């Protein structure tokens, strides 16, 4: 899906406002908690993407819990993380590109 969107943008079928639509809260979290990646933004090609992890589940904020690392989830949610899903989003803090990279259950993978 990511490559399809990038191709459509590069062909001119999607505008920058169509693909660079990160919400202000996502950009704030990316600037403060994002982990730098080695991937250049496919849209502006001027910034390195950062990865942001959010946890969603019972007892967590409705907008998700932004995490600096997965140990933080255990500290904040305790051992009751069986119904929690974590989402990793790549974000460009320069142009506001964002894309969901993966969804996983904590403990299922070493991330």
Protein backbone atom coordinates (compact mmCIF):
# COMPACT_ATOMS: atom_id res chain seq x y z
CA UNK A 1 0.00 0.00 0.00
CA UNK A 2 2.84 2.39 0.91
CA UNK A 3 4.56 2.01 -2.45
CA UNK A 4 1.28 2.42 -4.29
CA UNK A 5 0.60 5.75 -2.58
CA UNK A 6 4.14 6.98 -3.24
CA UNK A 7 3.86 6.00 -6.93
CA UNK A 8 0.53 7.78 -7.28
CA UNK A 9 2.04 10.90 -5.69
CA UNK A 10 5.08 10.82 -7.98
CA UNK A 11 2.83 10.39 -11.03
CA UNK A 12 0.86 13.48 -9.98
CA UNK A 13 -2.36 11.58 -9.31
CA UNK A 14 -2.25 12.50 -5.62
CA UNK A 15 -1.31 15.90 -4.27
CA UNK A 16 0.97 16.62 -1.35
CA UNK A 17 -2.01 17.53 0.85
CA UNK A 18 -3.50 14.12 0.06
CA UNK A 19 -0.48 12.21 1.36
CA UNK A 20 1.05 14.56 3.96
CA UNK A 21 -1.81 14.56 6.42
CA UNK A 22 -0.35 13.71 9.84
CA UNK A 23 -2.45 15.09 12.68
CA UNK A 24 -0.81 17.67 14.96
CA UNK A 25 -0.73 15.19 17.88
CA UNK A 26 1.07 12.58 15.75
CA UNK A 27 3.65 15.18 14.70
CA UNK A 28 4.13 16.26 18.33
CA UNK A 29 4.69 12.67 19.45
CA UNK A 30 7.03 12.06 16.51
CA UNK A 31 9.15 15.07 17.46
CA UNK A 32 9.30 14.13 21.14
CA UNK A 33 9.26 10.32 21.21
CA UNK A 34 10.03 9.24 17.65
CA UNK A 35 12.94 6.93 16.97
CA UNK A 36 15.01 8.02 14.00
CA UNK A 37 15.18 5.61 11.10
CA UNK A 38 17.63 5.37 8.24
CA UNK A 39 14.81 5.84 5.72
CA UNK A 40 14.48 9.09 3.83
CA UNK A 41 10.97 10.50 3.46
CA UNK A 42 9.60 9.27 0.12
CA UNK A 43 7.63 12.49 -0.37
CA UNK A 44 9.84 15.47 0.53
CA UNK A 45 13.13 13.52 0.29
CA UNK A 46 14.62 16.06 2.73
CA UNK A 47 14.05 14.47 6.15
CA UNK A 48 14.70 11.10 7.76
CA UNK A 49 11.55 9.30 8.88
CA UNK A 50 10.95 8.63 12.55
CA UNK A 51 9.04 5.66 13.96
CA UNK A 52 6.37 6.21 16.59
CA UNK A 53 4.76 3.42 18.62
CA UNK A 54 1.25 3.68 20.06
CA UNK A 55 -0.54 1.16 22.28
CA UNK A 56 -4.32 0.75 22.20
CA UNK A 57 -6.42 -1.36 24.52
CA UNK A 58 -8.56 -1.51 27.66
CA UNK A 59 -7.49 0.93 30.34
CA UNK A 60 -5.37 3.00 27.93
CA UNK A 61 -6.27 6.48 26.62
CA UNK A 62 -8.80 6.44 23.78
CA UNK A 63 -6.30 8.14 21.47
CA UNK A 64 -3.68 5.53 22.25
CA UNK A 65 -0.67 5.61 24.53
CA UNK A 66 2.47 6.88 22.78
CA UNK A 67 5.50 4.86 23.86
CA UNK A 68 9.19 5.64 23.91
CA UNK A 69 9.78 1.88 24.19
CA UNK A 70 7.80 -1.24 25.05
CA UNK A 71 9.05 -1.32 28.66
CA UNK A 72 7.04 1.85 29.17
CA UNK A 73 3.86 -0.08 28.29
CA UNK A 74 4.47 -2.57 31.09
CA UNK A 75 5.14 0.26 33.55
CA UNK A 76 1.98 2.16 32.59
CA UNK A 77 -0.42 -0.69 31.86
CA UNK A 78 0.97 -3.33 34.20
CA UNK A 79 0.86 -6.99 33.28
CA UNK A 80 -2.64 -6.68 31.79
CA UNK A 81 -1.46 -6.16 28.24
CA UNK A 82 -3.06 -9.26 26.71
CA UNK A 83 -5.72 -7.21 24.90
CA UNK A 84 -3.32 -4.48 23.79
CA UNK A 85 -2.30 -3.83 20.20
CA UNK A 86 0.75 -1.76 19.31
CA UNK A 87 0.98 0.26 16.11
CA UNK A 88 4.21 1.53 14.58
CA UNK A 89 3.80 4.56 12.34
CA UNK A 90 6.51 6.14 10.20
CA UNK A 91 6.33 9.93 10.22
CA UNK A 92 8.13 12.75 8.47
CA UNK A 93 8.26 15.72 10.82
CA UNK A 94 9.12 17.97 7.86
CA UNK A 95 6.24 17.40 5.46
CA UNK A 96 3.78 15.41 7.65
CA UNK A 97 3.90 12.17 5.61
CA UNK A 98 2.79 9.21 7.71
CA UNK A 99 2.15 5.56 7.10
CA UNK A 100 1.22 2.61 9.32
CA UNK A 101 4.16 0.20 9.22
CA UNK A 102 2.97 -2.61 11.45
CA UNK A 103 0.59 -3.80 14.13
CA UNK A 104 1.62 -6.35 16.74
CA UNK A 105 0.72 -7.73 20.14
CA UNK A 106 3.29 -6.90 22.84
CA UNK A 107 5.42 -9.89 23.69
CA UNK A 108 4.70 -11.57 20.35
CA UNK A 109 7.79 -10.00 18.76
CA UNK A 110 11.02 -8.56 20.06
CA UNK A 111 10.71 -4.93 18.97
